[in-house]
Protein backbone atom coordinates (compact mmCIF):
# COMPACT_ATOMS: atom_id res chain seq x y z
CA UNK A 1 0.00 0.00 0.00
CA UNK A 2 1.42 3.38 -0.97
CA UNK A 3 1.86 6.19 1.52
CA UNK A 4 -0.95 8.16 -0.11
CA UNK A 5 -3.32 5.19 0.17
CA UNK A 6 -2.25 4.56 3.75
CA UNK A 7 -2.87 8.10 4.97
CA UNK A 8 -6.22 8.22 3.15
CA UNK A 9 -7.26 4.98 4.85
CA UNK A 10 -6.06 6.16 8.26
CA UNK A 11 -7.88 9.47 7.91
CA UNK A 12 -11.16 7.87 6.86
CA UNK A 13 -10.91 5.34 9.70
CA UNK A 14 -10.74 8.26 12.11
CA UNK A 15 -13.68 9.95 10.39
CA UNK A 16 -11.68 13.12 9.83
CA UNK A 17 -11.71 15.52 6.92
CA UNK A 18 -8.53 16.53 5.15
CA UNK A 19 -8.95 19.93 6.79
CA UNK A 20 -9.02 18.30 10.23
CA UNK A 21 -5.68 16.60 9.62
CA UNK A 22 -4.15 19.63 7.90
CA UNK A 23 -5.08 21.75 10.90
CA UNK A 24 -3.36 19.32 13.28
CA UNK A 25 -0.25 19.39 11.07
CA UNK A 26 -0.37 23.19 10.71
CA UNK A 27 -0.40 22.95 6.90
CA UNK A 28 -2.93 23.85 4.23
CA UNK A 29 -5.68 21.45 3.23
CA UNK A 30 -4.43 21.59 -0.37
CA UNK A 31 -0.94 20.49 0.74
CA UNK A 32 -2.44 17.53 2.59
CA UNK A 33 -4.63 16.74 -0.41
CA UNK A 34 -1.51 16.44 -2.57
CA UNK A 35 -0.10 13.84 -0.17
CA UNK A 36 -3.24 11.72 -0.39
CA UNK A 37 -3.33 12.14 -4.17
CA UNK A 38 0.30 11.03 -4.42
CA UNK A 39 1.28 14.34 -6.02
CA UNK A 40 3.67 15.27 -3.22
CA UNK A 41 5.33 13.61 -0.25
CA UNK A 42 5.44 14.88 3.33
CA UNK A 43 8.73 15.88 4.91
CA UNK A 44 10.25 13.64 7.56
CA UNK A 45 9.02 15.88 10.42
CA UNK A 46 5.51 15.80 8.92
CA UNK A 47 5.69 12.01 8.60
CA UNK A 48 6.55 11.85 12.29
CA UNK A 49 3.59 14.11 13.09
CA UNK A 50 1.31 11.94 10.93
CA UNK A 51 2.37 8.85 12.86
CA UNK A 52 1.56 10.64 16.13
CA UNK A 53 -1.78 11.97 14.89
CA UNK A 54 -2.86 8.57 13.58
CA UNK A 55 -1.41 6.83 16.64
CA UNK A 56 0.70 4.38 14.66
CA UNK A 57 4.36 3.47 14.69
CA UNK A 58 6.46 5.62 12.35
CA UNK A 59 7.93 2.57 10.62
CA UNK A 60 4.45 1.16 10.01
CA UNK A 61 3.63 4.39 8.22
CA UNK A 62 6.69 4.44 5.94
CA UNK A 63 7.63 0.75 5.63
CA UNK A 64 5.98 0.33 2.21
CA UNK A 65 8.13 3.16 0.89
CA UNK A 66 11.33 1.34 1.84
CA UNK A 67 10.61 -2.35 1.29
CA UNK A 68 14.20 -3.49 0.73
CA UNK A 69 15.73 -1.82 3.77
CA UNK A 70 16.06 -3.79 6.98
CA UNK A 71 15.32 -1.34 9.78
CA UNK A 72 15.26 -3.96 12.50
CA UNK A 73 17.81 -4.17 15.28
CA UNK A 74 18.76 -7.70 14.29
CA UNK A 75 21.68 -6.66 12.13
CA UNK A 76 23.11 -4.58 14.97
CA UNK A 77 22.75 -7.14 17.75
CA UNK A 78 26.17 -8.71 17.17
CA UNK A 79 27.84 -5.54 15.98
CA UNK A 80 31.25 -4.87 17.49
CA UNK A 81 30.39 -1.20 17.91
CA UNK A 82 27.62 -2.09 20.35
CA UNK A 83 29.42 -4.81 22.29
CA UNK A 84 31.46 -4.08 25.35
CA UNK A 85 33.99 -6.14 27.21
CA UNK A 86 32.36 -7.60 30.32
CA UNK A 87 35.76 -7.90 32.03
CA UNK A 88 35.98 -4.13 32.41
CA UNK A 89 35.50 -2.82 35.93
CA UNK A 90 32.11 -1.11 36.02
CA UNK A 91 33.63 1.92 37.69
CA UNK A 92 36.58 2.26 35.32
CA UNK A 93 37.28 5.17 33.00
CA UNK A 94 37.70 2.64 30.18
CA UNK A 95 34.07 1.57 30.56
CA UNK A 96 32.86 5.15 30.56
CA UNK A 97 34.92 5.88 27.43
CA UNK A 98 33.56 2.77 25.71
CA UNK A 99 29.96 3.70 26.58
CA UNK A 100 30.48 7.22 25.24
CA UNK A 101 32.04 5.83 22.06
CA UNK A 102 29.10 3.43 21.62
CA UNK A 103 26.63 6.27 22.09
CA UNK A 104 28.40 8.34 19.42
CA UNK A 105 28.35 5.41 17.01
CA UNK A 106 24.66 4.76 17.69
CA UNK A 107 23.90 8.45 17.10
CA UNK A 108 25.70 8.23 13.74
CA UNK A 109 23.73 5.10 12.82
CA UNK A 110 20.45 6.80 13.68
CA UNK A 111 21.42 9.91 11.73
CA UNK A 112 22.37 7.82 8.70
CA UNK A 113 19.14 5.83 9.01
CA UNK A 114 17.12 9.05 9.08
CA UNK A 115 18.95 10.36 6.00
CA UNK A 116 18.31 7.07 4.21
CA UNK A 117 14.60 7.15 5.00
CA UNK A 118 14.37 10.77 3.91
CA UNK A 119 16.17 10.11 0.63
CA UNK A 120 14.02 7.05 -0.12
CA UNK A 121 10.86 9.00 0.52
CA UNK A 122 11.94 11.68 -1.94
CA UNK A 123 12.08 9.13 -4.78
C-alpha atoms as a PDB file:
ATOM      1  CA  UNK A   1       0.000   0.000   0.000  1.00  0.00           C
ATOM      2  CA  UNK A   2       1.422   3.383  -0.967  1.00  0.00           C
ATOM      3  CA  UNK A   3       1.861   6.187   1.522  1.00  0.00           C
ATOM      4  CA  UNK A   4      -0.951   8.156  -0.107  1.00  0.00           C
ATOM      5  CA  UNK A   5      -3.319   5.193   0.171  1.00  0.00           C
ATOM      6  CA  UNK A   6      -2.253   4.556   3.746  1.00  0.00           C
ATOM      7  CA  UNK A   7      -2.867   8.101   4.969  1.00  0.00           C
ATOM      8  CA  UNK A   8      -6.216   8.220   3.154  1.00  0.00           C
ATOM      9  CA  UNK A   9      -7.256   4.982   4.849  1.00  0.00           C
ATOM     10  CA  UNK A  10      -6.061   6.161   8.264  1.00  0.00           C
ATOM     11  CA  UNK A  11      -7.885   9.473   7.913  1.00  0.00           C
ATOM     12  CA  UNK A  12     -11.160   7.873   6.858  1.00  0.00           C
ATOM     13  CA  UNK A  13     -10.910   5.335   9.696  1.00  0.00           C
ATOM     14  CA  UNK A  14     -10.737   8.261  12.110  1.00  0.00           C
ATOM     15  CA  UNK A  15     -13.683   9.946  10.387  1.00  0.00           C
ATOM     16  CA  UNK A  16     -11.675  13.117   9.826  1.00  0.00           C
ATOM     17  CA  UNK A  17     -11.711  15.518   6.920  1.00  0.00           C
ATOM     18  CA  UNK A  18      -8.533  16.534   5.146  1.00  0.00           C
ATOM     19  CA  UNK A  19      -8.952  19.932   6.786  1.00  0.00           C
ATOM     20  CA  UNK A  20      -9.022  18.297  10.231  1.00  0.00           C
ATOM     21  CA  UNK A  21      -5.680  16.599   9.618  1.00  0.00           C
ATOM     22  CA  UNK A  22      -4.150  19.626   7.899  1.00  0.00           C
ATOM     23  CA  UNK A  23      -5.077  21.753  10.899  1.00  0.00           C
ATOM     24  CA  UNK A  24      -3.357  19.319  13.282  1.00  0.00           C
ATOM     25  CA  UNK A  25      -0.249  19.394  11.073  1.00  0.00           C
ATOM     26  CA  UNK A  26      -0.370  23.186  10.709  1.00  0.00           C
ATOM     27  CA  UNK A  27      -0.399  22.947   6.902  1.00  0.00           C
ATOM     28  CA  UNK A  28      -2.931  23.851   4.229  1.00  0.00           C
ATOM     29  CA  UNK A  29      -5.677  21.450   3.232  1.00  0.00           C
ATOM     30  CA  UNK A  30      -4.425  21.593  -0.372  1.00  0.00           C
ATOM     31  CA  UNK A  31      -0.937  20.485   0.738  1.00  0.00           C
ATOM     32  CA  UNK A  32      -2.436  17.530   2.590  1.00  0.00           C
ATOM     33  CA  UNK A  33      -4.634  16.737  -0.409  1.00  0.00           C
ATOM     34  CA  UNK A  34      -1.508  16.443  -2.573  1.00  0.00           C
ATOM     35  CA  UNK A  35      -0.099  13.842  -0.169  1.00  0.00           C
ATOM     36  CA  UNK A  36      -3.239  11.725  -0.388  1.00  0.00           C
ATOM     37  CA  UNK A  37      -3.335  12.141  -4.168  1.00  0.00           C
ATOM     38  CA  UNK A  38       0.296  11.034  -4.415  1.00  0.00           C
ATOM     39  CA  UNK A  39       1.278  14.337  -6.023  1.00  0.00           C
ATOM     40  CA  UNK A  40       3.673  15.272  -3.217  1.00  0.00           C
ATOM     41  CA  UNK A  41       5.330  13.609  -0.252  1.00  0.00           C
ATOM     42  CA  UNK A  42       5.444  14.883   3.327  1.00  0.00           C
ATOM     43  CA  UNK A  43       8.730  15.881   4.911  1.00  0.00           C
ATOM     44  CA  UNK A  44      10.253  13.644   7.555  1.00  0.00           C
ATOM     45  CA  UNK A  45       9.016  15.878  10.415  1.00  0.00           C
ATOM     46  CA  UNK A  46       5.508  15.801   8.918  1.00  0.00           C
ATOM     47  CA  UNK A  47       5.690  12.007   8.603  1.00  0.00           C
ATOM     48  CA  UNK A  48       6.551  11.851  12.289  1.00  0.00           C
ATOM     49  CA  UNK A  49       3.586  14.112  13.088  1.00  0.00           C
ATOM     50  CA  UNK A  50       1.312  11.941  10.931  1.00  0.00           C
ATOM     51  CA  UNK A  51       2.366   8.852  12.855  1.00  0.00           C
ATOM     52  CA  UNK A  52       1.561  10.644  16.125  1.00  0.00           C
ATOM     53  CA  UNK A  53      -1.777  11.973  14.889  1.00  0.00           C
ATOM     54  CA  UNK A  54      -2.861   8.575  13.578  1.00  0.00           C
ATOM     55  CA  UNK A  55      -1.412   6.835  16.645  1.00  0.00           C
ATOM     56  CA  UNK A  56       0.699   4.377  14.663  1.00  0.00           C
ATOM     57  CA  UNK A  57       4.363   3.473  14.686  1.00  0.00           C
ATOM     58  CA  UNK A  58       6.456   5.622  12.354  1.00  0.00           C
ATOM     59  CA  UNK A  59       7.925   2.571  10.623  1.00  0.00           C
ATOM     60  CA  UNK A  60       4.446   1.158  10.008  1.00  0.00           C
ATOM     61  CA  UNK A  61       3.628   4.391   8.220  1.00  0.00           C
ATOM     62  CA  UNK A  62       6.690   4.441   5.940  1.00  0.00           C
ATOM     63  CA  UNK A  63       7.628   0.748   5.629  1.00  0.00           C
ATOM     64  CA  UNK A  64       5.978   0.334   2.207  1.00  0.00           C
ATOM     65  CA  UNK A  65       8.130   3.158   0.889  1.00  0.00           C
ATOM     66  CA  UNK A  66      11.333   1.342   1.843  1.00  0.00           C
ATOM     67  CA  UNK A  67      10.610  -2.350   1.287  1.00  0.00           C
ATOM     68  CA  UNK A  68      14.197  -3.487   0.729  1.00  0.00           C
ATOM     69  CA  UNK A  69      15.726  -1.818   3.766  1.00  0.00           C
ATOM     70  CA  UNK A  70      16.056  -3.789   6.983  1.00  0.00           C
ATOM     71  CA  UNK A  71      15.321  -1.344   9.781  1.00  0.00           C
ATOM     72  CA  UNK A  72      15.261  -3.964  12.501  1.00  0.00           C
ATOM     73  CA  UNK A  73      17.810  -4.167  15.284  1.00  0.00           C
ATOM     74  CA  UNK A  74      18.759  -7.700  14.286  1.00  0.00           C
ATOM     75  CA  UNK A  75      21.684  -6.661  12.126  1.00  0.00           C
ATOM     76  CA  UNK A  76      23.112  -4.579  14.971  1.00  0.00           C
ATOM     77  CA  UNK A  77      22.753  -7.139  17.750  1.00  0.00           C
ATOM     78  CA  UNK A  78      26.166  -8.707  17.173  1.00  0.00           C
ATOM     79  CA  UNK A  79      27.844  -5.540  15.983  1.00  0.00           C
ATOM     80  CA  UNK A  80      31.254  -4.871  17.487  1.00  0.00           C
ATOM     81  CA  UNK A  81      30.388  -1.202  17.905  1.00  0.00           C
ATOM     82  CA  UNK A  82      27.623  -2.088  20.349  1.00  0.00           C
ATOM     83  CA  UNK A  83      29.419  -4.807  22.294  1.00  0.00           C
ATOM     84  CA  UNK A  84      31.464  -4.079  25.351  1.00  0.00           C
ATOM     85  CA  UNK A  85      33.993  -6.141  27.215  1.00  0.00           C
ATOM     86  CA  UNK A  86      32.357  -7.597  30.318  1.00  0.00           C
ATOM     87  CA  UNK A  87      35.761  -7.899  32.025  1.00  0.00           C
ATOM     88  CA  UNK A  88      35.985  -4.128  32.405  1.00  0.00           C
ATOM     89  CA  UNK A  89      35.503  -2.822  35.926  1.00  0.00           C
ATOM     90  CA  UNK A  90      32.112  -1.114  36.022  1.00  0.00           C
ATOM     91  CA  UNK A  91      33.633   1.920  37.693  1.00  0.00           C
ATOM     92  CA  UNK A  92      36.581   2.262  35.315  1.00  0.00           C
ATOM     93  CA  UNK A  93      37.280   5.168  32.995  1.00  0.00           C
ATOM     94  CA  UNK A  94      37.700   2.641  30.176  1.00  0.00           C
ATOM     95  CA  UNK A  95      34.070   1.567  30.563  1.00  0.00           C
ATOM     96  CA  UNK A  96      32.862   5.150  30.561  1.00  0.00           C
ATOM     97  CA  UNK A  97      34.920   5.876  27.431  1.00  0.00           C
ATOM     98  CA  UNK A  98      33.560   2.773  25.712  1.00  0.00           C
ATOM     99  CA  UNK A  99      29.963   3.702  26.580  1.00  0.00           C
ATOM    100  CA  UNK A 100      30.483   7.224  25.239  1.00  0.00           C
ATOM    101  CA  UNK A 101      32.041   5.831  22.062  1.00  0.00           C
ATOM    102  CA  UNK A 102      29.099   3.433  21.620  1.00  0.00           C
ATOM    103  CA  UNK A 103      26.633   6.273  22.091  1.00  0.00           C
ATOM    104  CA  UNK A 104      28.397   8.342  19.424  1.00  0.00           C
ATOM    105  CA  UNK A 105      28.353   5.406  17.015  1.00  0.00           C
ATOM    106  CA  UNK A 106      24.658   4.764  17.687  1.00  0.00           C
ATOM    107  CA  UNK A 107      23.896   8.448  17.095  1.00  0.00           C
ATOM    108  CA  UNK A 108      25.700   8.234  13.744  1.00  0.00           C
ATOM    109  CA  UNK A 109      23.729   5.097  12.823  1.00  0.00           C
ATOM    110  CA  UNK A 110      20.447   6.797  13.685  1.00  0.00           C
ATOM    111  CA  UNK A 111      21.423   9.911  11.734  1.00  0.00           C
ATOM    112  CA  UNK A 112      22.366   7.819   8.699  1.00  0.00           C
ATOM    113  CA  UNK A 113      19.137   5.833   9.006  1.00  0.00           C
ATOM    114  CA  UNK A 114      17.117   9.053   9.076  1.00  0.00           C
ATOM    115  CA  UNK A 115      18.948  10.359   6.001  1.00  0.00           C
ATOM    116  CA  UNK A 116      18.308   7.072   4.206  1.00  0.00           C
ATOM    117  CA  UNK A 117      14.601   7.150   5.001  1.00  0.00           C
ATOM    118  CA  UNK A 118      14.368  10.772   3.911  1.00  0.00           C
ATOM    119  CA  UNK A 119      16.171  10.107   0.627  1.00  0.00           C
ATOM    120  CA  UNK A 120      14.024   7.054  -0.116  1.00  0.00           C
ATOM    121  CA  UNK A 121      10.855   8.998   0.523  1.00  0.00           C
ATOM    122  CA  UNK A 122      11.945  11.680  -1.943  1.00  0.00           C
ATOM    123  CA  UNK A 123      12.078   9.127  -4.781  1.00  0.00           C
END
